[in-house]
């Protein structure tokens, strides 16, 4: 399961990094407003990226804490839901 959580964390991190970079470029470079992920993907896209990142982060944390597999999977799901809910609060 650690590999699944590690892959989710890596994909979520790359998605988050890409989101930040494209938002910055869209806001600061004339003519590049079309690549803004908030305009293209909206709140649902932001929630998905945060959910994948939260799933990986919570899953790895619980796995390395020595929790049983079922509890680790539950913690990963709760982490995904929590990260997605927090992402929806962003302006």
N, C-alpha and C. Protein backbone atom coordinates (compact mmCIF):
# COMPACT_ATOMS: atom_id res chain seq x y z
N UNK A 1 0.81 -1.20 0.00
CA UNK A 1 0.00 0.00 0.00
C UNK A 1 0.86 1.27 0.00
N UNK A 2 2.05 1.16 0.55
CA UNK A 2 2.90 2.36 0.60
C UNK A 2 3.21 2.88 -0.79
N UNK A 3 3.36 1.96 -1.75
CA UNK A 3 3.63 2.39 -3.12
C UNK A 3 2.45 3.17 -3.70
N UNK A 4 1.24 2.73 -3.40
CA UNK A 4 0.04 3.43 -3.89
C UNK A 4 -0.01 4.83 -3.31
N UNK A 5 0.25 4.93 -2.00
CA UNK A 5 0.23 6.24 -1.36
C UNK A 5 1.35 7.14 -1.88
N UNK A 6 2.52 6.55 -2.12
CA UNK A 6 3.65 7.33 -2.63
C UNK A 6 3.37 7.85 -4.04
N UNK A 7 2.77 7.02 -4.87
CA UNK A 7 2.42 7.46 -6.23
C UNK A 7 1.37 8.56 -6.17
N UNK A 8 0.36 8.40 -5.31
CA UNK A 8 -0.67 9.42 -5.16
C UNK A 8 -0.07 10.73 -4.67
N UNK A 9 0.84 10.65 -3.72
CA UNK A 9 1.49 11.85 -3.21
C UNK A 9 2.32 12.52 -4.30
N UNK A 10 3.05 11.74 -5.08
CA UNK A 10 3.85 12.31 -6.17
C UNK A 10 2.99 12.96 -7.23
N UNK A 11 1.92 12.30 -7.63
CA UNK A 11 1.02 12.86 -8.64
C UNK A 11 0.35 14.12 -8.10
N UNK A 12 -0.09 14.06 -6.84
CA UNK A 12 -0.71 15.23 -6.23
C UNK A 12 0.25 16.40 -6.11
N UNK A 13 1.50 16.10 -5.75
CA UNK A 13 2.51 17.16 -5.65
C UNK A 13 2.77 17.80 -7.01
N UNK A 14 2.92 16.97 -8.04
CA UNK A 14 3.14 17.51 -9.38
C UNK A 14 1.94 18.33 -9.85
N UNK A 15 0.73 17.85 -9.53
CA UNK A 15 -0.46 18.61 -9.88
C UNK A 15 -0.52 19.95 -9.16
N UNK A 16 -0.19 19.94 -7.89
CA UNK A 16 -0.18 21.18 -7.11
C UNK A 16 0.89 22.15 -7.62
N UNK A 17 2.07 21.63 -7.91
CA UNK A 17 3.14 22.46 -8.44
C UNK A 17 2.76 23.04 -9.80
N UNK A 18 2.19 22.21 -10.65
CA UNK A 18 1.74 22.69 -11.95
C UNK A 18 0.65 23.74 -11.84
N UNK A 19 -0.25 23.55 -10.88
CA UNK A 19 -1.33 24.52 -10.65
C UNK A 19 -0.75 25.87 -10.26
N UNK A 20 0.21 25.86 -9.34
CA UNK A 20 0.81 27.11 -8.86
C UNK A 20 1.57 27.80 -9.99
N UNK A 21 2.34 27.05 -10.75
CA UNK A 21 3.14 27.65 -11.82
C UNK A 21 2.25 28.23 -12.91
N UNK A 22 1.25 27.47 -13.35
CA UNK A 22 0.38 27.99 -14.42
C UNK A 22 -0.46 29.16 -13.94
N UNK A 23 -0.86 29.17 -12.68
CA UNK A 23 -1.59 30.33 -12.14
C UNK A 23 -0.71 31.56 -12.14
N UNK A 24 0.55 31.39 -11.73
CA UNK A 24 1.47 32.53 -11.70
C UNK A 24 1.76 33.05 -13.10
N UNK A 25 1.97 32.15 -14.05
CA UNK A 25 2.24 32.58 -15.42
C UNK A 25 1.02 33.26 -16.02
N UNK A 26 -0.16 32.72 -15.79
CA UNK A 26 -1.37 33.31 -16.34
C UNK A 26 -1.64 34.70 -15.77
N UNK A 27 -1.26 34.91 -14.52
CA UNK A 27 -1.50 36.20 -13.89
C UNK A 27 -0.46 37.25 -14.26
N UNK A 28 0.73 36.82 -14.66
CA UNK A 28 1.80 37.79 -14.85
C UNK A 28 2.25 37.98 -16.30
N UNK A 29 1.89 37.10 -17.21
CA UNK A 29 2.34 37.21 -18.60
C UNK A 29 1.14 37.58 -19.48
N UNK A 30 1.29 38.67 -20.22
CA UNK A 30 0.20 39.11 -21.09
C UNK A 30 -0.05 38.09 -22.19
N UNK A 31 -1.31 37.80 -22.43
CA UNK A 31 -1.69 36.87 -23.48
C UNK A 31 -1.76 35.42 -23.05
N UNK A 32 -1.40 35.12 -21.81
CA UNK A 32 -1.40 33.74 -21.32
C UNK A 32 -2.54 33.50 -20.33
N UNK A 33 -3.55 34.33 -20.33
CA UNK A 33 -4.65 34.17 -19.39
C UNK A 33 -5.42 32.87 -19.60
N UNK A 34 -5.32 32.31 -20.79
CA UNK A 34 -6.06 31.09 -21.13
C UNK A 34 -5.56 29.84 -20.44
N UNK A 35 -4.36 29.87 -19.84
CA UNK A 35 -3.85 28.67 -19.18
C UNK A 35 -4.16 28.65 -17.69
N UNK A 36 -4.90 29.64 -17.21
CA UNK A 36 -5.21 29.71 -15.78
C UNK A 36 -6.05 28.50 -15.37
N UNK A 37 -5.55 27.65 -14.46
CA UNK A 37 -6.30 26.45 -14.09
C UNK A 37 -7.59 26.74 -13.33
N UNK A 38 -7.65 27.88 -12.65
CA UNK A 38 -8.90 28.22 -11.97
C UNK A 38 -10.01 28.49 -12.98
N UNK A 39 -9.66 29.05 -14.12
CA UNK A 39 -10.64 29.30 -15.17
C UNK A 39 -10.96 28.03 -15.95
N UNK A 40 -9.95 27.21 -16.21
CA UNK A 40 -10.13 26.01 -17.03
C UNK A 40 -10.77 24.86 -16.25
N UNK A 41 -10.30 24.63 -15.03
CA UNK A 41 -10.74 23.46 -14.27
C UNK A 41 -11.67 23.81 -13.11
N UNK A 42 -11.56 25.01 -12.60
CA UNK A 42 -12.46 25.48 -11.56
C UNK A 42 -12.26 24.80 -10.22
N UNK A 43 -13.30 24.89 -9.42
CA UNK A 43 -13.26 24.34 -8.06
C UNK A 43 -13.15 22.82 -8.06
N UNK A 44 -13.78 22.16 -9.00
CA UNK A 44 -13.70 20.70 -9.04
C UNK A 44 -12.29 20.21 -9.32
N UNK A 45 -11.57 20.88 -10.20
CA UNK A 45 -10.19 20.51 -10.48
C UNK A 45 -9.29 20.73 -9.28
N UNK A 46 -9.49 21.86 -8.61
CA UNK A 46 -8.70 22.16 -7.41
C UNK A 46 -8.98 21.14 -6.32
N UNK A 47 -10.24 20.74 -6.18
CA UNK A 47 -10.60 19.73 -5.19
C UNK A 47 -9.97 18.39 -5.51
N UNK A 48 -9.94 18.02 -6.78
CA UNK A 48 -9.35 16.74 -7.18
C UNK A 48 -7.85 16.71 -6.92
N UNK A 49 -7.14 17.78 -7.26
CA UNK A 49 -5.70 17.83 -7.02
C UNK A 49 -5.41 17.76 -5.53
N UNK A 50 -6.14 18.53 -4.75
CA UNK A 50 -5.94 18.51 -3.30
C UNK A 50 -6.30 17.15 -2.70
N UNK A 51 -7.34 16.52 -3.21
CA UNK A 51 -7.73 15.21 -2.71
C UNK A 51 -6.69 14.14 -2.96
N UNK A 52 -6.10 14.14 -4.14
CA UNK A 52 -5.04 13.16 -4.44
C UNK A 52 -3.83 13.41 -3.54
N UNK A 53 -3.46 14.67 -3.37
CA UNK A 53 -2.34 15.01 -2.50
C UNK A 53 -2.63 14.61 -1.05
N UNK A 54 -3.83 14.91 -0.57
CA UNK A 54 -4.20 14.55 0.80
C UNK A 54 -4.26 13.05 1.01
N UNK A 55 -4.73 12.31 0.01
CA UNK A 55 -4.78 10.86 0.09
C UNK A 55 -3.38 10.28 0.26
N UNK A 56 -2.45 10.74 -0.55
CA UNK A 56 -1.09 10.25 -0.46
C UNK A 56 -0.41 10.64 0.84
N UNK A 57 -0.60 11.87 1.26
CA UNK A 57 0.04 12.36 2.48
C UNK A 57 -0.48 11.62 3.71
N UNK A 58 -1.78 11.52 3.84
CA UNK A 58 -2.35 10.85 5.01
C UNK A 58 -2.06 9.35 4.98
N UNK A 59 -2.12 8.75 3.81
CA UNK A 59 -1.84 7.32 3.70
C UNK A 59 -0.41 6.98 4.08
N UNK A 60 0.54 7.76 3.59
CA UNK A 60 1.94 7.50 3.95
C UNK A 60 2.19 7.76 5.43
N UNK A 61 1.58 8.79 5.97
CA UNK A 61 1.76 9.08 7.40
C UNK A 61 1.25 7.94 8.25
N UNK A 62 0.07 7.43 7.93
CA UNK A 62 -0.49 6.33 8.70
C UNK A 62 0.28 5.03 8.48
N UNK A 63 0.74 4.81 7.27
CA UNK A 63 1.48 3.57 6.97
C UNK A 63 2.80 3.52 7.74
N UNK A 64 3.50 4.63 7.80
CA UNK A 64 4.77 4.65 8.51
C UNK A 64 4.60 4.76 10.02
N UNK A 65 3.39 5.05 10.47
CA UNK A 65 3.11 5.05 11.91
C UNK A 65 2.85 3.64 12.42
N UNK A 66 2.73 2.68 11.51
CA UNK A 66 2.53 1.30 11.92
C UNK A 66 1.08 0.89 12.08
N UNK A 67 0.17 1.67 11.53
CA UNK A 67 -1.24 1.33 11.63
C UNK A 67 -1.55 0.11 10.78
N UNK A 68 -2.61 -0.64 11.14
CA UNK A 68 -3.04 -1.75 10.28
C UNK A 68 -3.51 -1.24 8.91
N UNK A 69 -3.56 -2.12 7.95
CA UNK A 69 -3.87 -1.72 6.57
C UNK A 69 -5.24 -1.07 6.45
N UNK A 70 -6.25 -1.62 7.12
CA UNK A 70 -7.59 -1.05 7.03
C UNK A 70 -7.64 0.36 7.62
N UNK A 71 -6.97 0.55 8.74
CA UNK A 71 -6.94 1.88 9.36
C UNK A 71 -6.15 2.86 8.49
N UNK A 72 -5.10 2.38 7.87
CA UNK A 72 -4.31 3.22 6.99
C UNK A 72 -5.13 3.67 5.79
N UNK A 73 -5.88 2.74 5.19
CA UNK A 73 -6.73 3.10 4.06
C UNK A 73 -7.81 4.08 4.48
N UNK A 74 -8.38 3.88 5.66
CA UNK A 74 -9.38 4.81 6.17
C UNK A 74 -8.81 6.19 6.40
N UNK A 75 -7.61 6.24 6.96
CA UNK A 75 -6.96 7.54 7.18
C UNK A 75 -6.67 8.23 5.86
N UNK A 76 -6.28 7.47 4.85
CA UNK A 76 -6.01 8.06 3.54
C UNK A 76 -7.28 8.65 2.93
N UNK A 77 -8.38 7.95 3.09
CA UNK A 77 -9.66 8.46 2.56
C UNK A 77 -10.09 9.71 3.30
N UNK A 78 -9.94 9.70 4.62
CA UNK A 78 -10.28 10.89 5.41
C UNK A 78 -9.37 12.05 5.02
N UNK A 79 -8.09 11.77 4.79
CA UNK A 79 -7.17 12.82 4.36
C UNK A 79 -7.56 13.42 3.02
N UNK A 80 -8.01 12.58 2.11
CA UNK A 80 -8.45 13.06 0.79
C UNK A 80 -9.68 13.94 0.93
N UNK A 81 -10.63 13.52 1.74
CA UNK A 81 -11.85 14.30 1.94
C UNK A 81 -11.53 15.63 2.61
N UNK A 82 -10.67 15.60 3.63
CA UNK A 82 -10.31 16.83 4.34
C UNK A 82 -9.58 17.81 3.42
N UNK A 83 -8.62 17.32 2.65
CA UNK A 83 -7.88 18.21 1.75
C UNK A 83 -8.80 18.78 0.67
N UNK A 84 -9.70 17.96 0.16
CA UNK A 84 -10.65 18.45 -0.83
C UNK A 84 -11.59 19.50 -0.27
N UNK A 85 -12.04 19.29 0.97
CA UNK A 85 -12.93 20.26 1.61
C UNK A 85 -12.20 21.58 1.85
N UNK A 86 -10.95 21.51 2.27
CA UNK A 86 -10.18 22.73 2.50
C UNK A 86 -9.92 23.46 1.18
N UNK A 87 -9.68 22.71 0.12
CA UNK A 87 -9.44 23.34 -1.19
C UNK A 87 -10.68 24.07 -1.68
N UNK A 88 -11.85 23.60 -1.33
CA UNK A 88 -13.08 24.27 -1.75
C UNK A 88 -13.27 25.61 -1.04
N UNK A 89 -12.62 25.78 0.11
CA UNK A 89 -12.75 27.03 0.85
C UNK A 89 -11.90 28.16 0.28
N UNK A 90 -10.91 27.81 -0.53
CA UNK A 90 -10.00 28.82 -1.09
C UNK A 90 -10.77 29.75 -2.03
N UNK A 91 -10.37 31.02 -2.05
CA UNK A 91 -11.10 31.97 -2.91
C UNK A 91 -10.85 31.75 -4.38
